[in-house]
Amino acid sequence: MNRELYDLMTKILSEVDSVKSHIEEAKQENGVNLQATERIIDRLKIIAQEADDELNDTLIRIEENFDIEQAKSRRTIHD
């Protein structure tokens, strides 16, 4: 589970670095125009949605693993 969270954080950081680079390039090209700003906003929305989806999936897996461990524990106690 920790590996999944690490991979998720790495992916998010990579995407943020890409957005940062894009903003820096736009600034160097005489400022950020409306079209560039819209692209940045759209990309950030996608990143946020992907991160939210991954986090939800991870939390569901954690809950499922917890339920499995509880069931194992109950079986061990009752055996």
Protein backbone atom coordinates (compact mmCIF):
# COMPACT_ATOMS: atom_id res chain seq x y z
CA MET A 1 0.00 0.00 0.00
CA ASN A 2 2.84 2.39 0.80
CA ARG A 3 4.27 1.76 -2.66
CA GLU A 4 0.99 2.79 -4.27
CA LEU A 5 0.91 6.02 -2.28
CA TYR A 6 4.54 6.71 -3.19
CA ASP A 7 3.81 6.12 -6.87
CA LEU A 8 0.78 8.39 -6.68
CA MET A 9 2.77 11.17 -5.04
CA THR A 10 5.53 10.79 -7.63
CA LYS A 11 2.99 11.04 -10.44
CA ILE A 12 1.39 14.14 -8.93
CA LEU A 13 4.77 15.81 -8.43
CA SER A 14 5.75 15.03 -12.00
CA GLU A 15 2.54 16.58 -13.31
CA VAL A 16 2.99 19.64 -11.11
CA ASP A 17 6.54 20.04 -12.44
CA SER A 18 5.19 19.86 -15.99
CA VAL A 19 2.64 22.57 -15.24
CA LYS A 20 5.32 24.69 -13.59
CA SER A 21 7.55 24.36 -16.64
CA HIS A 22 4.66 25.30 -18.91
CA ILE A 23 3.94 28.42 -16.84
CA GLU A 24 7.60 29.42 -16.90
CA GLU A 25 7.73 28.99 -20.69
CA ALA A 26 4.59 31.07 -21.10
CA LYS A 27 6.03 33.83 -18.93
CA GLN A 28 9.20 33.91 -21.00
CA GLU A 29 7.12 34.30 -24.15
CA ASN A 30 5.83 37.76 -23.15
CA GLY A 31 3.49 36.68 -20.41
CA VAL A 32 0.74 34.17 -20.01
CA ASN A 33 -2.14 34.66 -22.43
CA LEU A 34 -5.75 33.59 -21.95
CA GLN A 35 -5.39 30.42 -24.01
CA ALA A 36 -2.35 29.30 -22.01
CA THR A 37 -4.14 30.04 -18.77
CA GLU A 38 -7.13 27.93 -19.87
CA ARG A 39 -4.82 25.03 -20.75
CA ILE A 40 -3.16 25.28 -17.34
CA ILE A 41 -6.50 25.31 -15.55
CA ASP A 42 -7.79 22.34 -17.58
CA ARG A 43 -4.63 20.36 -16.89
CA LEU A 44 -4.80 21.10 -13.17
CA LYS A 45 -8.44 19.95 -13.11
CA ILE A 46 -7.43 16.67 -14.75
CA ILE A 47 -4.55 16.19 -12.30
CA ALA A 48 -6.82 16.87 -9.35
CA GLN A 49 -9.47 14.44 -10.62
CA GLU A 50 -6.91 11.69 -11.27
CA ALA A 51 -5.39 12.16 -7.83
CA ASP A 52 -8.85 12.10 -6.23
CA ASP A 53 -9.77 8.91 -8.11
CA GLU A 54 -6.51 7.23 -7.10
CA LEU A 55 -6.94 8.27 -3.49
CA ASN A 56 -10.50 6.91 -3.42
CA ASP A 57 -9.34 3.61 -4.92
CA THR A 58 -6.52 3.39 -2.39
CA LEU A 59 -8.86 4.10 0.53
CA ILE A 60 -11.26 1.43 -0.70
CA ARG A 61 -8.41 -1.11 -0.89
CA ILE A 62 -7.26 -0.15 2.61
CA GLU A 63 -10.79 -0.66 3.93
CA GLU A 64 -11.10 -4.02 2.14
CA ASN A 65 -7.75 -5.17 3.55
CA PHE A 66 -8.81 -4.06 7.02
CA ASP A 67 -12.07 -6.03 6.70
CA ILE A 68 -10.14 -9.12 5.56
CA GLU A 69 -7.75 -8.85 8.50
CA GLN A 70 -10.65 -8.46 10.93
CA ALA A 71 -12.33 -11.54 9.48
CA LYS A 72 -9.09 -13.53 9.82
CA SER A 73 -8.73 -12.33 13.39
CA ARG A 74 -12.29 -13.38 14.26
CA ARG A 75 -11.73 -16.83 12.73
CA THR A 76 -8.51 -17.27 14.71
CA ILE A 77 -10.23 -16.29 17.95
CA HIS A 78 -13.20 -18.62 17.36
CA ASP A 79 -11.06 -21.61 16.24
